[in-house]
């Protein structure tokens, strides 16, 4: 029965993956190619959900401190999913009116992309806090990793299904598909979220404790002074930035530096994704329990440093086989470091602060991802200007930059000691003299 309940809980990450596949893949392509919208406008629209990510911190605090119908997680997950689904439907229907593109239609599209970002951040942040509330001990790394794998399954399955369903493309077909897809996402999210939240006096007391300190005062007295929070925030940013800056660069690098065909480079995403999923599953099921998330993160980061150096050497040797093997190794590195990081994130929480802290770690992740997307292409373009279009040096600069960032993350890991964080030991209560003698531990 418990396994069936966990399968039901996977409905949310699967739905999140399906939504991401549609928005990041299908809608993005349709807006640029079929509808002919300017790429700069589309890029701006798709950056908006990242730009509203600082709201995750406040949304997380609100989830911790202001239960709805005595529940801190389920109503917020469902509300966020509902808002995101409506926004995706509205964005699709508005952009299909390509003959009306102008100021009068752009402003509503901007608004719905902002609402999509708010809904997605609210739902995903609260779901992560629910995992922190629901799972303890050895269950935590397995749960957080396997549910992340479920999201990957939604992305991959959604991309494959949408590719088949939209061939041949027509606005009417796209409208029917997006309506069916969004209804499916909402249904599996609702069914997967209901009756999942633990009911206990500890969590009620945790809500009262969180509500006793206003949001800004919590940030000023609990979060900002905590050295461990600051260190871990930087580790999350460096890991994401160092891992994902190359996200859109591997295929053009393979083509330009190694002379690979379109068919060969098209397989790179699947090769990387296979390594990532394998690394995450092995980590969540066995490695974290056996060696701890710190050791797993260190191994993942170290492999990443070596792989990025190897990618440069593969370009020098012009060896596609070595390059593809290294891409698989990069996936393994990403899986190990991501799963270790996810476990550290969920361990760096308390019943009173789960939503708030998840919001902070989510903000660090979104900032790292946004910076990586912007910096990768920019560095390549700048270096190609200064090196007379030397592809190997231009792309190699990005890979060395990523190796350097991961090396800094490795060094910072030595300074991370969660036992010294007042935000998770409850010591901030005594420091602030808010609730004398009350301590909330994981």
Protein backbone atom coordinates (compact mmCIF):
# COMPACT_ATOMS: atom_id res chain seq x y z
CA UNK A 1 0.00 0.00 0.00
CA UNK A 2 2.86 2.37 0.88
CA UNK A 3 4.52 1.73 -2.50
CA UNK A 4 1.28 2.56 -4.31
CA UNK A 5 1.07 5.77 -2.30
CA UNK A 6 4.59 6.73 -3.35
CA UNK A 7 3.74 5.99 -6.97
CA UNK A 8 0.74 8.30 -6.61
CA UNK A 9 2.98 10.99 -5.10
CA UNK A 10 5.16 10.77 -8.23
CA UNK A 11 2.25 12.29 -10.16
CA UNK A 12 3.46 15.80 -9.38
CA UNK A 13 7.05 15.46 -10.67
CA UNK A 14 5.81 13.58 -13.74
CA UNK A 15 3.32 16.40 -14.39
CA UNK A 16 6.08 18.98 -13.85
CA UNK A 17 8.22 17.14 -16.39
CA UNK A 18 5.39 17.03 -18.94
CA UNK A 19 4.78 20.76 -18.50
CA UNK A 20 8.50 21.53 -18.83
CA UNK A 21 8.71 19.44 -22.02
CA UNK A 22 5.83 21.37 -23.55
CA UNK A 23 6.88 24.86 -22.47
CA UNK A 24 10.65 24.53 -22.90
CA UNK A 25 10.52 22.44 -26.07
CA UNK A 26 7.26 22.53 -28.04
CA UNK A 27 5.94 26.01 -27.20
CA UNK A 28 9.41 27.53 -27.53
CA UNK A 29 9.88 26.05 -31.02
CA UNK A 30 6.34 26.87 -32.20
CA UNK A 31 6.65 30.51 -31.13
CA UNK A 32 9.93 30.99 -33.05
CA UNK A 33 9.52 28.71 -36.08
CA UNK A 34 5.82 28.27 -36.87
CA UNK A 35 4.63 31.67 -35.58
CA UNK A 36 7.74 33.63 -36.54
CA UNK A 37 8.08 35.55 -33.28
CA UNK A 38 11.44 37.29 -32.65
CA UNK A 39 13.87 35.00 -30.82
CA UNK A 40 14.80 37.85 -28.48
CA UNK A 41 11.16 38.24 -27.42
CA UNK A 42 10.78 34.49 -26.86
CA UNK A 43 14.03 34.41 -24.89
CA UNK A 44 12.76 37.24 -22.68
CA UNK A 45 9.44 35.48 -22.09
CA UNK A 46 11.15 32.23 -21.10
CA UNK A 47 13.48 34.09 -18.74
CA UNK A 48 10.54 35.52 -16.79
CA UNK A 49 9.86 32.34 -14.71
CA UNK A 50 13.53 32.46 -13.63
CA UNK A 51 13.34 36.16 -12.85
CA UNK A 52 10.44 35.65 -10.42
CA UNK A 53 12.29 32.84 -8.60
CA UNK A 54 13.21 35.11 -5.62
CA UNK A 55 9.52 34.81 -4.71
CA UNK A 56 10.26 31.17 -3.79
CA UNK A 57 11.71 32.32 -0.48
CA UNK A 58 8.59 34.22 0.57
CA UNK A 59 6.28 31.54 -0.82
CA UNK A 60 8.18 28.93 1.17
CA UNK A 61 7.89 30.99 4.35
CA UNK A 62 4.15 31.46 3.73
CA UNK A 63 3.67 27.72 3.27
CA UNK A 64 5.51 27.06 6.55
CA UNK A 65 3.65 29.66 8.58
CA UNK A 66 0.14 29.99 7.13
CA UNK A 67 -1.64 26.63 6.77
CA UNK A 68 -4.83 26.45 4.74
CA UNK A 69 -7.45 24.19 6.30
CA UNK A 70 -4.73 23.09 8.76
CA UNK A 71 -2.51 21.94 5.88
CA UNK A 72 0.83 23.54 4.95
CA UNK A 73 1.65 21.74 1.72
CA UNK A 74 -1.22 20.12 -0.19
CA UNK A 75 -3.30 23.30 -0.84
CA UNK A 76 -0.24 25.23 -2.00
CA UNK A 77 0.92 22.46 -4.35
CA UNK A 78 -2.51 22.21 -5.95
CA UNK A 79 -2.97 26.00 -6.12
CA UNK A 80 0.44 26.47 -7.74
CA UNK A 81 -0.20 23.70 -10.27
CA UNK A 82 -3.63 25.16 -11.10
CA UNK A 83 -2.11 28.62 -11.69
CA UNK A 84 0.70 27.19 -13.84
CA UNK A 85 -1.72 25.12 -15.94
CA UNK A 86 -3.99 28.10 -16.58
CA UNK A 87 -0.98 30.23 -17.51
CA UNK A 88 0.32 27.66 -20.01
CA UNK A 89 -3.12 27.40 -21.63
CA UNK A 90 -3.42 31.18 -21.81
CA UNK A 91 0.10 31.62 -23.20
CA UNK A 92 -0.57 29.06 -25.94
CA UNK A 93 -3.91 30.51 -26.96
CA UNK A 94 -2.59 34.08 -26.96
CA UNK A 95 0.50 33.33 -29.03
CA UNK A 96 -1.55 31.38 -31.59
CA UNK A 97 -3.22 34.71 -32.43
CA UNK A 98 -0.10 35.66 -34.37
CA UNK A 99 -1.99 38.24 -36.44
CA UNK A 100 -2.53 40.27 -33.28
CA UNK A 101 1.10 40.32 -32.15
CA UNK A 102 1.83 43.83 -30.93
CA UNK A 103 1.81 45.75 -27.66
CA UNK A 104 -1.82 44.82 -26.97
CA UNK A 105 -1.03 41.07 -27.05
CA UNK A 106 2.57 41.12 -25.75
CA UNK A 107 1.63 42.59 -22.39
CA UNK A 108 -0.90 39.82 -21.61
CA UNK A 109 1.63 37.18 -22.74
CA UNK A 110 4.25 38.69 -20.40
CA UNK A 111 1.71 38.57 -17.58
CA UNK A 112 0.83 34.90 -18.14
CA UNK A 113 4.51 33.91 -18.25
CA UNK A 114 5.00 35.69 -14.92
CA UNK A 115 1.96 33.84 -13.53
CA UNK A 116 3.41 30.58 -14.88
CA UNK A 117 6.64 31.28 -13.02
CA UNK A 118 4.78 32.05 -9.79
CA UNK A 119 2.64 28.92 -10.05
CA UNK A 120 5.55 26.65 -10.95
CA UNK A 121 7.74 28.03 -8.16
CA UNK A 122 4.95 27.76 -5.59
CA UNK A 123 4.05 24.18 -6.51
CA UNK A 124 7.57 22.81 -6.90
CA UNK A 125 8.97 24.55 -3.82
CA UNK A 126 6.11 23.32 -1.64
CA UNK A 127 6.41 19.79 -3.03
CA UNK A 128 10.08 19.72 -2.02
CA UNK A 129 9.09 20.93 1.46
CA UNK A 130 6.48 18.13 1.57
CA UNK A 131 9.24 15.59 0.90
CA UNK A 132 11.21 17.06 3.80
CA UNK A 133 8.15 16.72 6.07
CA UNK A 134 7.18 13.26 4.87
CA UNK A 135 10.48 11.35 4.71
CA UNK A 136 13.15 10.83 7.34
CA UNK A 137 16.48 9.05 7.63
CA UNK A 138 17.49 6.74 4.77
CA UNK A 139 14.15 7.36 3.04
CA UNK A 140 15.09 10.95 2.24
CA UNK A 141 17.85 10.49 -0.36
CA UNK A 142 15.90 7.70 -2.05
CA UNK A 143 12.69 9.71 -2.17
CA UNK A 144 14.16 12.99 -3.39
CA UNK A 145 16.28 11.25 -6.04
CA UNK A 146 13.60 8.90 -7.36
CA UNK A 147 11.05 11.70 -7.59
CA UNK A 148 13.62 13.74 -9.54
CA UNK A 149 14.02 10.75 -11.86
CA UNK A 150 10.21 10.74 -12.23
CA UNK A 151 10.44 14.34 -13.43
CA UNK A 152 13.10 13.34 -15.99
CA UNK A 153 10.77 10.55 -17.13
CA UNK A 154 8.01 13.11 -17.62
CA UNK A 155 10.32 15.36 -19.65
CA UNK A 156 11.58 12.54 -21.88
CA UNK A 157 8.19 10.88 -22.30
CA UNK A 158 6.50 14.21 -22.92
CA UNK A 159 9.05 15.23 -25.56
CA UNK A 160 8.62 11.94 -27.43
CA UNK A 161 4.81 12.00 -27.25
CA UNK A 162 4.51 15.66 -28.24
CA UNK A 163 6.82 15.11 -31.20
CA UNK A 164 4.54 12.40 -32.54
CA UNK A 165 1.23 14.07 -31.73
CA UNK A 166 2.16 17.39 -33.35
CA UNK A 167 3.18 15.87 -36.69
CA UNK A 168 1.78 17.40 -38.86
CA UNK A 169 1.51 20.73 -37.02
CA UNK A 170 -1.57 22.91 -37.03
CA UNK A 171 -2.84 25.52 -34.55
CA UNK A 172 -6.02 23.50 -33.97
CA UNK A 173 -4.01 20.34 -33.21
CA UNK A 174 -1.73 22.26 -30.83
CA UNK A 175 -4.74 23.73 -29.02
CA UNK A 176 -6.37 20.33 -28.54
CA UNK A 177 -3.10 18.77 -27.36
CA UNK A 178 -2.26 21.51 -24.85
CA UNK A 179 -5.76 21.34 -23.35
CA UNK A 180 -5.56 17.57 -22.97
CA UNK A 181 -2.02 17.74 -21.61
CA UNK A 182 -2.75 20.45 -19.03
CA UNK A 183 -5.91 18.67 -17.82
CA UNK A 184 -3.83 15.50 -17.41
CA UNK A 185 -1.14 17.39 -15.48
CA UNK A 186 -3.71 18.95 -13.15
CA UNK A 187 -5.51 15.66 -12.52
CA UNK A 188 -2.38 13.65 -11.69
CA UNK A 189 -1.11 16.50 -9.49
CA UNK A 190 -4.33 16.66 -7.48
CA UNK A 191 -4.65 12.89 -7.17
CA UNK A 192 -0.98 12.59 -6.29
CA UNK A 193 -0.99 15.34 -3.64
CA UNK A 194 -4.16 14.64 -1.66
CA UNK A 195 -3.72 12.91 1.72
CA UNK A 196 0.07 12.95 1.40
CA UNK A 197 0.89 15.55 4.04
CA UNK A 198 1.72 14.22 7.53
CA UNK A 199 -0.72 15.26 10.25
CA UNK A 200 1.06 15.76 13.56
CA UNK A 201 1.21 18.10 16.54
CA UNK A 202 4.91 18.69 15.83
CA UNK A 203 4.12 20.20 12.44
CA UNK A 204 1.34 22.34 13.90
CA UNK A 205 3.76 23.61 16.53
CA UNK A 206 6.33 24.21 13.79
CA UNK A 207 3.85 26.37 11.89
CA UNK A 208 3.13 28.42 14.99
CA UNK A 209 6.85 28.84 15.58
CA UNK A 210 7.44 29.96 11.98
CA UNK A 211 4.49 32.36 12.09
CA UNK A 212 5.79 33.93 15.33
CA UNK A 213 8.66 35.55 13.41
CA UNK A 214 7.76 37.85 10.48
CA UNK A 215 9.31 37.04 7.11
CA UNK A 216 11.82 39.91 6.98
CA UNK A 217 12.90 39.39 10.57
CA UNK A 218 13.40 35.68 9.84
CA UNK A 219 15.70 36.57 6.95
CA UNK A 220 17.57 39.16 9.01
CA UNK A 221 17.96 37.18 12.25
CA UNK A 222 18.03 33.55 11.11
CA UNK A 223 19.17 33.26 7.50
CA UNK A 224 21.63 36.06 6.73
CA UNK A 225 23.76 35.72 9.91
CA UNK A 226 24.10 31.94 9.42
CA UNK A 227 27.52 31.23 7.88
CA UNK A 228 26.51 27.68 6.90
CA UNK A 229 23.48 28.96 5.00
CA UNK A 230 25.72 31.37 3.07
CA UNK A 231 28.29 28.66 2.30
CA UNK A 232 25.68 26.18 1.10
CA UNK A 233 23.93 28.84 -1.00
CA UNK A 234 27.20 29.46 -2.86
CA UNK A 235 27.85 25.69 -3.21
CA UNK A 236 24.44 25.21 -4.85
CA UNK A 237 25.05 28.11 -7.25
CA UNK A 238 28.58 26.96 -8.17
CA UNK A 239 27.47 23.36 -8.71
CA UNK A 240 24.54 24.29 -10.95
CA UNK A 241 26.53 26.96 -12.82
CA UNK A 242 29.53 24.69 -13.27
CA UNK A 243 27.39 21.78 -14.44
CA UNK A 244 24.87 23.45 -16.75
CA UNK A 245 26.79 26.27 -18.47
CA UNK A 246 27.62 23.81 -21.25
CA UNK A 247 23.97 22.80 -21.66
CA UNK A 248 23.54 24.35 -25.13
CA UNK A 249 27.19 24.09 -26.19
CA UNK A 250 27.96 20.37 -26.50
CA UNK A 251 26.23 19.84 -29.85
CA UNK A 252 27.78 22.83 -31.65
CA UNK A 253 31.18 21.96 -30.12
CA UNK A 254 30.88 18.41 -31.44
CA UNK A 255 30.00 19.71 -34.90
CA UNK A 256 32.54 22.52 -35.14
CA UNK A 257 35.52 21.09 -33.26
CA UNK A 258 35.15 17.37 -34.02
CA UNK A 259 33.34 17.38 -37.36
CA UNK A 260 30.43 15.29 -36.07
CA UNK A 261 27.29 14.87 -38.17
CA UNK A 262 23.83 16.09 -37.20
CA UNK A 263 22.81 12.52 -36.36
CA UNK A 264 25.81 12.08 -34.07
CA UNK A 265 25.29 15.32 -32.18
CA UNK A 266 21.55 14.67 -31.87
CA UNK A 267 22.39 11.64 -29.72
CA UNK A 268 24.41 13.68 -27.22
CA UNK A 269 21.43 14.78 -25.13
CA UNK A 270 20.23 11.18 -24.80
CA UNK A 271 23.76 10.02 -23.89
CA UNK A 272 24.12 12.75 -21.26
CA UNK A 273 20.60 12.12 -19.94
CA UNK A 274 21.20 8.37 -19.64
CA UNK A 275 24.34 8.98 -17.58
CA UNK A 276 22.53 11.51 -15.41
CA UNK A 277 19.60 9.21 -14.62
CA UNK A 278 21.94 6.27 -13.95
CA UNK A 279 24.06 8.38 -11.60
CA UNK A 280 21.02 9.68 -9.74
CA UNK A 281 19.39 6.28 -9.31
CA UNK A 282 22.57 4.58 -8.05
CA UNK A 283 23.22 7.49 -5.70
CA UNK A 284 19.70 7.61 -4.26
CA UNK A 285 19.33 3.87 -3.84
CA UNK A 286 22.79 2.97 -2.56
CA UNK A 287 25.70 5.43 -2.62
CA UNK A 288 24.34 8.10 -0.26
CA UNK A 289 23.33 5.49 2.30
CA UNK A 290 26.73 3.81 2.05
CA UNK A 291 29.08 6.82 1.87
CA UNK A 292 27.03 9.92 2.72
CA UNK A 293 25.98 12.77 0.48
CA UNK A 294 29.17 14.78 1.07
CA UNK A 295 31.41 12.04 -0.31
CA UNK A 296 29.08 11.48 -3.27
CA UNK A 297 29.06 15.19 -4.09
CA UNK A 298 32.86 15.34 -3.94
CA UNK A 299 33.22 12.39 -6.31
CA UNK A 300 30.65 13.85 -8.71
CA UNK A 301 32.33 17.26 -8.74
CA UNK A 302 35.79 15.74 -9.18
CA UNK A 303 34.60 13.63 -12.13
CA UNK A 304 33.07 16.77 -13.61
CA UNK A 305 36.40 18.66 -13.37
CA UNK A 306 38.23 15.81 -15.12
CA UNK A 307 35.54 15.42 -17.80
CA UNK A 308 35.63 19.11 -18.77
CA UNK A 309 39.40 18.91 -19.19
CA UNK A 310 38.87 15.71 -21.22
CA UNK A 311 36.36 17.46 -23.51
CA UNK A 312 39.07 19.90 -24.52
CA UNK A 313 41.52 17.08 -25.19
CA UNK A 314 38.89 15.24 -27.26
CA UNK A 315 38.61 18.37 -29.42
CA UNK A 316 42.39 18.52 -29.81
CA UNK A 317 42.45 14.85 -30.85
CA UNK A 318 39.28 15.27 -32.97
CA UNK A 319 38.00 11.96 -31.62
CA UNK A 320 34.18 11.73 -31.59
CA UNK A 321 34.15 8.33 -29.81
CA UNK A 322 36.15 9.71 -26.87
CA UNK A 323 33.96 12.82 -26.87
CA UNK A 324 30.72 10.80 -26.62
CA UNK A 325 32.18 8.64 -23.84
CA UNK A 326 33.09 11.82 -21.97
CA UNK A 327 29.55 13.18 -22.45
CA UNK A 328 28.24 10.00 -20.79
CA UNK A 329 30.79 10.59 -18.00
CA UNK A 330 29.52 14.15 -17.70
CA UNK A 331 26.03 12.71 -17.21
CA UNK A 332 27.33 10.41 -14.45
CA UNK A 333 29.03 13.41 -12.82
CA UNK A 334 25.83 15.44 -13.07
CA UNK A 335 23.77 12.59 -11.60
CA UNK A 336 26.15 12.07 -8.66
CA UNK A 337 26.58 15.74 -7.79
CA UNK A 338 22.88 16.53 -8.33
CA UNK A 339 21.64 13.62 -6.22
CA UNK A 340 24.15 14.41 -3.48
CA UNK A 341 23.15 18.06 -3.62
CA UNK A 342 19.44 17.19 -3.48
CA UNK A 343 20.05 15.06 -0.39
CA UNK A 344 22.02 17.87 1.24
CA UNK A 345 19.20 20.30 0.40
CA UNK A 346 16.54 18.14 2.01
CA UNK A 347 18.77 17.52 5.05
CA UNK A 348 19.28 21.27 5.41
CA UNK A 349 15.69 21.77 6.59
CA UNK A 350 13.58 21.67 9.74
CA UNK A 351 9.83 21.21 10.27
CA UNK A 352 9.53 24.94 10.99
CA UNK A 353 11.69 26.14 8.11
CA UNK A 354 11.32 23.52 5.34
CA UNK A 355 9.47 25.76 2.88
CA UNK A 356 11.65 28.80 3.56
CA UNK A 357 14.93 26.90 3.25
CA UNK A 358 13.75 25.03 0.16
CA UNK A 359 12.93 28.43 -1.30
CA UNK A 360 16.45 29.66 -0.62
CA UNK A 361 18.06 26.57 -2.17
CA UNK A 362 15.64 26.78 -5.09
CA UNK A 363 16.59 30.43 -5.60
CA UNK A 364 20.29 29.50 -5.66
CA UNK A 365 19.54 26.78 -8.24
CA UNK A 366 17.49 29.11 -10.47
CA UNK A 367 20.13 31.85 -10.30
CA UNK A 368 22.85 29.35 -11.20
CA UNK A 369 20.81 28.00 -14.10
CA UNK A 370 19.99 31.48 -15.41
CA UNK A 371 23.61 32.62 -15.14
CA UNK A 372 24.79 29.45 -16.87
CA UNK A 373 22.39 29.94 -19.78
CA UNK A 374 23.55 33.52 -20.26
CA UNK A 375 27.27 33.02 -19.69
CA UNK A 376 27.93 29.94 -21.83
CA UNK A 377 26.97 31.45 -25.16
CA UNK A 378 28.31 34.90 -24.25
CA UNK A 379 31.78 33.59 -23.37
CA UNK A 380 31.95 31.58 -26.61
CA UNK A 381 30.94 34.59 -28.73
CA UNK A 382 33.43 36.91 -27.00
CA UNK A 383 36.30 34.44 -27.29
CA UNK A 384 35.59 33.79 -30.97
CA UNK A 385 35.93 37.52 -31.61
CA UNK A 386 39.24 37.75 -29.74
CA UNK A 387 40.72 34.51 -31.15
CA UNK A 388 39.80 35.03 -34.80
CA UNK A 389 37.02 32.42 -34.61
CA UNK A 390 39.13 29.69 -32.96
CA UNK A 391 36.45 27.15 -32.02
CA UNK A 392 38.65 24.98 -29.79
CA UNK A 393 39.89 27.91 -27.69
CA UNK A 394 36.43 29.52 -27.50
CA UNK A 395 34.57 26.44 -26.31
CA UNK A 396 37.57 25.23 -24.31
CA UNK A 397 37.47 28.48 -22.32
CA UNK A 398 33.92 27.68 -21.21
CA UNK A 399 34.85 24.12 -20.25
CA UNK A 400 37.85 25.32 -18.20
CA UNK A 401 35.61 27.95 -16.58
CA UNK A 402 33.19 25.21 -15.55
CA UNK A 403 36.02 23.03 -14.23
CA UNK A 404 37.21 25.98 -12.15
CA UNK A 405 33.74 26.60 -10.70
CA UNK A 406 33.37 22.93 -9.72
CA UNK A 407 36.82 23.07 -8.11
CA UNK A 408 35.73 26.03 -5.98
CA UNK A 409 32.59 24.08 -4.98
CA UNK A 410 34.86 21.19 -3.92
CA UNK A 411 36.90 23.52 -1.72
CA UNK A 412 33.78 25.02 -0.12
CA UNK A 413 32.44 21.56 0.71
CA UNK A 414 35.28 21.22 3.23
CA UNK A 415 33.87 24.22 5.12
CA UNK A 416 30.27 22.98 5.17
CA UNK A 417 29.13 21.63 8.55
CA UNK A 418 25.36 21.51 8.94
CA UNK A 419 25.67 20.84 12.68
CA UNK A 420 26.94 24.43 13.03
CA UNK A 421 23.87 25.97 11.37
CA UNK A 422 21.51 27.71 13.78
CA UNK A 423 18.83 27.64 11.07
CA UNK A 424 18.52 23.85 11.36
CA UNK A 425 19.46 23.24 15.02
CA UNK A 426 16.85 25.62 16.37
CA UNK A 427 19.40 27.77 18.21
CA UNK A 428 17.99 30.90 16.61
CA UNK A 429 15.03 30.59 18.96
CA UNK A 430 17.17 31.10 22.01
CA UNK A 431 19.18 33.81 20.24
CA UNK A 432 16.05 35.75 19.38
CA UNK A 433 14.37 34.91 22.72
CA UNK A 434 11.14 34.26 20.89
CA UNK A 435 10.03 30.90 22.30
CA UNK A 436 12.28 30.07 25.27
CA UNK A 437 13.31 26.45 25.48
CA UNK A 438 11.67 25.37 22.22
CA UNK A 439 13.90 23.47 19.82
CA UNK A 440 12.82 21.89 16.55
CA UNK A 441 15.23 19.31 15.21
CA UNK A 442 15.01 17.07 12.17
